[in-house]
Amino acid sequence: MNEIGQSQVDVQGTEPSYSSEPPRKISRLLLLWPLAGIVGLLYGMIRYQPVDDKLIYWIGAAPCMIIFMFVNVAWRSAQRGKGTPSFLPRTLWLASVCLAVPIVLLVNGALDYSPVEKHRQIITRTIFEHGRRDSTFYYVECSSWRGRSYEKLKVSPREYLESRPGDSFIVETHKGALGIPLLVSAHRTD
């Protein structure tokens, strides 16, 4: 009886060192989803110019880059045979999350049929920024129509050169179907 009890403890008390499921493979194509998210985000930013463009870059592009690196690490560990079965669904969901911000941005612009709203603002200052590889950005900072302390709007080089602090400035916007305001135009009053 003692031998039977000992064998039951061994069977129940030890766990096998191998998994019953083989490690799942992660497709290299899964890396295209974060890249598609970044391309969709850039297309949405160019097609439907949101007023808060830098905020949307941070909300959309930064997570896509982080998820791209995360999926790359998961793919590399799966290639070495260290992939775990529970890791794949999370990787798949994270990769598909990269498409959420571009889809929201595109739906916001495509379904927006609100009338153009004109906001007459006063320019507080002009801003000239240098980017990488000799790129330049021109901004006009003006009083806010949304209850903020100021609005920073990207303008053309011509608008930047003709604008002075204290000038009257007209900003035309759409409300956006999902509440993300879209910039139609920003120009000085003549």
C-alpha atoms as a PDB file:
ATOM      1  CA  MET A   1       0.000   0.000   0.000  1.00  0.00           C
ATOM      2  CA  ASN A   2       2.851   2.271   0.741  1.00  0.00           C
ATOM      3  CA  GLU A   3       4.237   1.694  -2.755  1.00  0.00           C
ATOM      4  CA  ILE A   4       0.918   2.631  -4.356  1.00  0.00           C
ATOM      5  CA  GLY A   5       0.702   5.841  -2.349  1.00  0.00           C
ATOM      6  CA  GLN A   6       4.250   6.784  -3.312  1.00  0.00           C
ATOM      7  CA  SER A   7       3.560   6.269  -7.019  1.00  0.00           C
ATOM      8  CA  GLN A   8       0.461   8.461  -6.856  1.00  0.00           C
ATOM      9  CA  VAL A   9       2.463  11.277  -5.271  1.00  0.00           C
ATOM     10  CA  ASP A  10       5.049  11.060  -8.007  1.00  0.00           C
ATOM     11  CA  VAL A  11       2.444  11.156 -10.743  1.00  0.00           C
ATOM     12  CA  GLN A  12       0.500  14.036  -9.224  1.00  0.00           C
ATOM     13  CA  GLY A  13       3.359  15.990  -7.673  1.00  0.00           C
ATOM     14  CA  THR A  14       5.700  16.305 -10.633  1.00  0.00           C
ATOM     15  CA  GLU A  15       5.054  18.344 -13.695  1.00  0.00           C
ATOM     16  CA  PRO A  16       6.514  17.543 -17.069  1.00  0.00           C
ATOM     17  CA  SER A  17       9.289  19.888 -18.184  1.00  0.00           C
ATOM     18  CA  TYR A  18       7.948  20.084 -21.732  1.00  0.00           C
ATOM     19  CA  SER A  19       4.756  21.693 -22.989  1.00  0.00           C
ATOM     20  CA  SER A  20       2.144  19.553 -24.678  1.00  0.00           C
ATOM     21  CA  GLU A  21       1.629  22.238 -27.331  1.00  0.00           C
ATOM     22  CA  PRO A  22       4.385  23.023 -29.812  1.00  0.00           C
ATOM     23  CA  PRO A  23       5.512  26.671 -29.823  1.00  0.00           C
ATOM     24  CA  ARG A  24       3.447  28.696 -32.263  1.00  0.00           C
ATOM     25  CA  LYS A  25       5.095  30.488 -35.100  1.00  0.00           C
ATOM     26  CA  ILE A  26       4.614  34.208 -35.557  1.00  0.00           C
ATOM     27  CA  SER A  27       4.415  35.362 -39.136  1.00  0.00           C
ATOM     28  CA  ARG A  28       6.889  38.003 -40.251  1.00  0.00           C
ATOM     29  CA  LEU A  29       3.937  39.681 -41.999  1.00  0.00           C
ATOM     30  CA  LEU A  30       2.646  40.689 -38.559  1.00  0.00           C
ATOM     31  CA  LEU A  31       5.368  43.365 -38.606  1.00  0.00           C
ATOM     32  CA  LEU A  32       3.557  45.038 -41.509  1.00  0.00           C
ATOM     33  CA  TRP A  33       0.570  45.980 -39.334  1.00  0.00           C
ATOM     34  CA  PRO A  34       2.400  48.634 -37.263  1.00  0.00           C
ATOM     35  CA  LEU A  35       3.975  49.950 -40.467  1.00  0.00           C
ATOM     36  CA  ALA A  36       0.534  50.080 -42.097  1.00  0.00           C
ATOM     37  CA  GLY A  37      -0.667  51.969 -39.024  1.00  0.00           C
ATOM     38  CA  ILE A  38       2.050  54.599 -39.464  1.00  0.00           C
ATOM     39  CA  VAL A  39       1.348  54.935 -43.204  1.00  0.00           C
ATOM     40  CA  GLY A  40      -2.400  55.210 -42.510  1.00  0.00           C
ATOM     41  CA  LEU A  41      -1.717  57.810 -39.841  1.00  0.00           C
ATOM     42  CA  LEU A  42       0.390  59.909 -42.223  1.00  0.00           C
ATOM     43  CA  TYR A  43      -2.269  59.613 -44.925  1.00  0.00           C
ATOM     44  CA  GLY A  44      -4.980  60.673 -42.486  1.00  0.00           C
ATOM     45  CA  MET A  45      -2.881  63.614 -41.276  1.00  0.00           C
ATOM     46  CA  ILE A  46      -2.323  64.831 -44.835  1.00  0.00           C
ATOM     47  CA  ARG A  47      -5.864  64.175 -46.079  1.00  0.00           C
ATOM     48  CA  TYR A  48      -7.803  65.507 -43.069  1.00  0.00           C
ATOM     49  CA  GLN A  49      -5.590  68.007 -41.271  1.00  0.00           C
ATOM     50  CA  PRO A  50      -6.454  67.770 -37.567  1.00  0.00           C
ATOM     51  CA  VAL A  51      -5.902  70.895 -35.483  1.00  0.00           C
ATOM     52  CA  ASP A  52      -3.918  68.955 -32.857  1.00  0.00           C
ATOM     53  CA  ASP A  53      -1.480  67.310 -35.257  1.00  0.00           C
ATOM     54  CA  LYS A  54       1.419  66.758 -32.837  1.00  0.00           C
ATOM     55  CA  LEU A  55      -0.860  65.161 -30.251  1.00  0.00           C
ATOM     56  CA  ILE A  56      -2.164  62.709 -32.836  1.00  0.00           C
ATOM     57  CA  TYR A  57       1.402  61.869 -33.916  1.00  0.00           C
ATOM     58  CA  TRP A  58       2.222  60.992 -30.300  1.00  0.00           C
ATOM     59  CA  ILE A  59      -0.989  59.019 -29.816  1.00  0.00           C
ATOM     60  CA  GLY A  60      -0.668  57.172 -33.125  1.00  0.00           C
ATOM     61  CA  ALA A  61       2.967  56.891 -34.195  1.00  0.00           C
ATOM     62  CA  ALA A  62       4.727  56.310 -30.867  1.00  0.00           C
ATOM     63  CA  PRO A  63       2.643  53.223 -29.929  1.00  0.00           C
ATOM     64  CA  CYS A  64       3.067  51.856 -33.466  1.00  0.00           C
ATOM     65  CA  MET A  65       6.841  52.068 -33.131  1.00  0.00           C
ATOM     66  CA  ILE A  66       6.792  50.441 -29.687  1.00  0.00           C
ATOM     67  CA  ILE A  67       4.479  47.670 -30.887  1.00  0.00           C
ATOM     68  CA  PHE A  68       6.662  47.166 -33.972  1.00  0.00           C
ATOM     69  CA  MET A  69       9.648  46.540 -31.707  1.00  0.00           C
ATOM     70  CA  PHE A  70       7.554  44.276 -29.445  1.00  0.00           C
ATOM     71  CA  VAL A  71       6.321  42.172 -32.384  1.00  0.00           C
ATOM     72  CA  ASN A  72       9.878  41.994 -33.732  1.00  0.00           C
ATOM     73  CA  VAL A  73      11.130  40.644 -30.384  1.00  0.00           C
ATOM     74  CA  ALA A  74       8.260  38.119 -30.313  1.00  0.00           C
ATOM     75  CA  TRP A  75       9.031  37.014 -33.855  1.00  0.00           C
ATOM     76  CA  ARG A  76      12.726  36.589 -33.078  1.00  0.00           C
ATOM     77  CA  SER A  77      12.014  34.554 -29.935  1.00  0.00           C
ATOM     78  CA  ALA A  78       9.582  32.369 -31.910  1.00  0.00           C
ATOM     79  CA  GLN A  79      12.296  31.806 -34.520  1.00  0.00           C
ATOM     80  CA  ARG A  80      14.625  30.547 -31.783  1.00  0.00           C
ATOM     81  CA  GLY A  81      11.899  28.186 -30.565  1.00  0.00           C
ATOM     82  CA  LYS A  82      11.161  30.118 -27.381  1.00  0.00           C
ATOM     83  CA  GLY A  83       7.688  31.254 -28.416  1.00  0.00           C
ATOM     84  CA  THR A  84       4.972  30.600 -25.847  1.00  0.00           C
ATOM     85  CA  PRO A  85       1.435  29.702 -26.892  1.00  0.00           C
ATOM     86  CA  SER A  86      -0.191  32.483 -24.877  1.00  0.00           C
ATOM     87  CA  PHE A  87       2.069  35.104 -26.418  1.00  0.00           C
ATOM     88  CA  LEU A  88       0.598  34.942 -29.937  1.00  0.00           C
ATOM     89  CA  PRO A  89      -2.906  36.286 -29.251  1.00  0.00           C
ATOM     90  CA  ARG A  90      -1.496  39.277 -27.402  1.00  0.00           C
ATOM     91  CA  THR A  91       0.919  39.947 -30.251  1.00  0.00           C
ATOM     92  CA  LEU A  92      -1.874  39.701 -32.803  1.00  0.00           C
ATOM     93  CA  TRP A  93      -4.107  42.066 -30.837  1.00  0.00           C
ATOM     94  CA  LEU A  94      -1.298  44.572 -30.285  1.00  0.00           C
ATOM     95  CA  ALA A  95      -0.462  44.582 -33.967  1.00  0.00           C
ATOM     96  CA  SER A  96      -4.097  45.220 -34.862  1.00  0.00           C
ATOM     97  CA  VAL A  97      -4.314  48.067 -32.306  1.00  0.00           C
ATOM     98  CA  CYS A  98      -1.856  49.992 -34.487  1.00  0.00           C
ATOM     99  CA  LEU A  99      -4.617  50.413 -37.049  1.00  0.00           C
ATOM    100  CA  ALA A 100      -7.068  51.913 -34.533  1.00  0.00           C
ATOM    101  CA  VAL A 101      -5.815  55.529 -34.520  1.00  0.00           C
ATOM    102  CA  PRO A 102      -5.577  55.790 -38.334  1.00  0.00           C
ATOM    103  CA  ILE A 103      -9.043  54.282 -38.719  1.00  0.00           C
ATOM    104  CA  VAL A 104     -10.506  56.724 -36.171  1.00  0.00           C
ATOM    105  CA  LEU A 105      -8.782  59.634 -37.932  1.00  0.00           C
ATOM    106  CA  LEU A 106      -9.998  58.551 -41.368  1.00  0.00           C
ATOM    107  CA  VAL A 107     -13.569  57.919 -40.166  1.00  0.00           C
ATOM    108  CA  ASN A 108     -13.574  61.297 -38.384  1.00  0.00           C
ATOM    109  CA  GLY A 109     -12.688  63.093 -41.609  1.00  0.00           C
ATOM    110  CA  ALA A 110     -14.636  60.986 -44.102  1.00  0.00           C
ATOM    111  CA  LEU A 111     -17.957  61.120 -42.220  1.00  0.00           C
ATOM    112  CA  ASP A 112     -17.715  64.790 -41.294  1.00  0.00           C
ATOM    113  CA  TYR A 113     -20.399  66.895 -42.959  1.00  0.00           C
ATOM    114  CA  SER A 114     -20.421  69.751 -40.465  1.00  0.00           C
ATOM    115  CA  PRO A 115     -20.382  73.306 -41.786  1.00  0.00           C
ATOM    116  CA  VAL A 116     -17.169  75.315 -41.793  1.00  0.00           C
ATOM    117  CA  GLU A 117     -16.735  77.353 -38.622  1.00  0.00           C
ATOM    118  CA  LYS A 118     -14.797  80.619 -38.869  1.00  0.00           C
ATOM    119  CA  HIS A 119     -12.854  81.771 -35.839  1.00  0.00           C
ATOM    120  CA  ARG A 120     -11.337  85.264 -35.814  1.00  0.00           C
ATOM    121  CA  GLN A 121      -8.242  85.155 -33.632  1.00  0.00           C
ATOM    122  CA  ILE A 122      -5.325  87.450 -32.798  1.00  0.00           C
ATOM    123  CA  ILE A 123      -1.750  86.364 -33.564  1.00  0.00           C
ATOM    124  CA  THR A 124       0.407  86.358 -30.434  1.00  0.00           C
ATOM    125  CA  ARG A 125       3.663  85.216 -32.070  1.00  0.00           C
ATOM    126  CA  THR A 126       5.170  83.478 -35.079  1.00  0.00           C
ATOM    127  CA  ILE A 127       7.341  80.391 -34.675  1.00  0.00           C
ATOM    128  CA  PHE A 128      10.028  79.076 -37.007  1.00  0.00           C
ATOM    129  CA  GLU A 129      11.345  75.568 -36.254  1.00  0.00           C
ATOM    130  CA  HIS A 130      14.137  73.556 -37.819  1.00  0.00           C
ATOM    131  CA  GLY A 131      13.617  69.841 -38.220  1.00  0.00           C
ATOM    132  CA  ARG A 132      15.877  67.048 -39.317  1.00  0.00           C
ATOM    133  CA  ARG A 133      17.573  67.102 -42.684  1.00  0.00           C
ATOM    134  CA  ASP A 134      17.055  70.807 -43.360  1.00  0.00           C
ATOM    135  CA  SER A 135      13.284  70.675 -42.977  1.00  0.00           C
ATOM    136  CA  THR A 136      11.599  73.819 -41.693  1.00  0.00           C
ATOM    137  CA  PHE A 137       8.219  74.300 -40.089  1.00  0.00           C
ATOM    138  CA  TYR A 138       6.258  77.528 -39.857  1.00  0.00           C
ATOM    139  CA  TYR A 139       3.726  78.089 -37.101  1.00  0.00           C
ATOM    140  CA  VAL A 140       1.482  80.881 -35.962  1.00  0.00           C
ATOM    141  CA  GLU A 141       0.441  81.020 -32.329  1.00  0.00           C
ATOM    142  CA  CYS A 142      -2.891  82.706 -31.772  1.00  0.00           C
ATOM    143  CA  SER A 143      -5.548  83.056 -29.115  1.00  0.00           C
ATOM    144  CA  SER A 144      -7.715  79.988 -28.652  1.00  0.00           C
ATOM    145  CA  TRP A 145     -11.373  79.527 -29.576  1.00  0.00           C
ATOM    146  CA  ARG A 146     -11.526  76.227 -27.641  1.00  0.00           C
ATOM    147  CA  GLY A 147     -10.866  77.541 -24.138  1.00  0.00           C
ATOM    148  CA  ARG A 148      -7.132  76.836 -24.179  1.00  0.00           C
ATOM    149  CA  SER A 149      -4.391  79.319 -23.476  1.00  0.00           C
ATOM    150  CA  TYR A 150      -3.287  79.392 -27.144  1.00  0.00           C
ATOM    151  CA  GLU A 151      -3.443  77.524 -30.455  1.00  0.00           C
ATOM    152  CA  LYS A 152      -0.348  76.644 -32.488  1.00  0.00           C
ATOM    153  CA  LEU A 153      -1.182  76.228 -36.170  1.00  0.00           C
ATOM    154  CA  LYS A 154       1.077  75.131 -39.017  1.00  0.00           C
ATOM    155  CA  VAL A 155       1.000  77.650 -41.878  1.00  0.00           C
ATOM    156  CA  SER A 156       2.658  78.131 -45.244  1.00  0.00           C
ATOM    157  CA  PRO A 157       5.955  80.050 -45.505  1.00  0.00           C
ATOM    158  CA  ARG A 158       4.102  82.923 -47.181  1.00  0.00           C
ATOM    159  CA  GLU A 159       1.573  83.198 -44.330  1.00  0.00           C
ATOM    160  CA  TYR A 160       4.405  83.037 -41.833  1.00  0.00           C
ATOM    161  CA  LEU A 161       6.344  85.872 -43.493  1.00  0.00           C
ATOM    162  CA  GLU A 162       3.274  88.113 -43.829  1.00  0.00           C
ATOM    163  CA  SER A 163       2.016  87.545 -40.267  1.00  0.00           C
ATOM    164  CA  ARG A 164       2.905  89.820 -37.348  1.00  0.00           C
ATOM    165  CA  PRO A 165       1.898  89.647 -33.691  1.00  0.00           C
ATOM    166  CA  GLY A 166      -1.340  91.577 -33.191  1.00  0.00           C
ATOM    167  CA  ASP A 167      -2.661  90.827 -36.697  1.00  0.00           C
ATOM    168  CA  SER A 168      -6.140  89.428 -37.088  1.00  0.00           C
ATOM    169  CA  PHE A 169      -6.179  85.810 -38.205  1.00  0.00           C
ATOM    170  CA  ILE A 170      -9.062  83.657 -39.465  1.00  0.00           C
ATOM    171  CA  VAL A 171      -9.050  79.948 -38.710  1.00  0.00           C
ATOM    172  CA  GLU A 172     -11.612  77.794 -40.515  1.00  0.00           C
ATOM    173  CA  THR A 173     -12.382  74.397 -38.996  1.00  0.00           C
ATOM    174  CA  HIS A 174     -14.784  71.481 -39.148  1.00  0.00           C
ATOM    175  CA  LYS A 175     -16.037  69.811 -35.965  1.00  0.00           C
ATOM    176  CA  GLY A 176     -15.167  66.297 -37.148  1.00  0.00           C
ATOM    177  CA  ALA A 177     -17.580  63.367 -37.081  1.00  0.00           C
ATOM    178  CA  LEU A 178     -15.959  61.895 -33.951  1.00  0.00           C
ATOM    179  CA  GLY A 179     -15.144  65.216 -32.303  1.00  0.00           C
ATOM    180  CA  ILE A 180     -11.575  65.625 -33.568  1.00  0.00           C
ATOM    181  CA  PRO A 181     -11.475  69.168 -35.012  1.00  0.00           C
ATOM    182  CA  LEU A 182     -10.146  69.454 -38.553  1.00  0.00           C
ATOM    183  CA  LEU A 183      -8.330  72.475 -39.974  1.00  0.00           C
ATOM    184  CA  VAL A 184      -9.701  73.778 -43.271  1.00  0.00           C
ATOM    185  CA  SER A 185      -7.550  76.887 -43.604  1.00  0.00           C
ATOM    186  CA  ALA A 186      -5.705  79.497 -41.577  1.00  0.00           C
ATOM    187  CA  HIS A 187      -5.027  82.899 -43.100  1.00  0.00           C
ATOM    188  CA  ARG A 188      -4.705  86.549 -42.267  1.00  0.00           C
ATOM    189  CA  THR A 189      -7.565  88.917 -42.850  1.00  0.00           C
ATOM    190  CA  ASP A 190      -6.862  91.352 -45.673  1.00  0.00           C
END
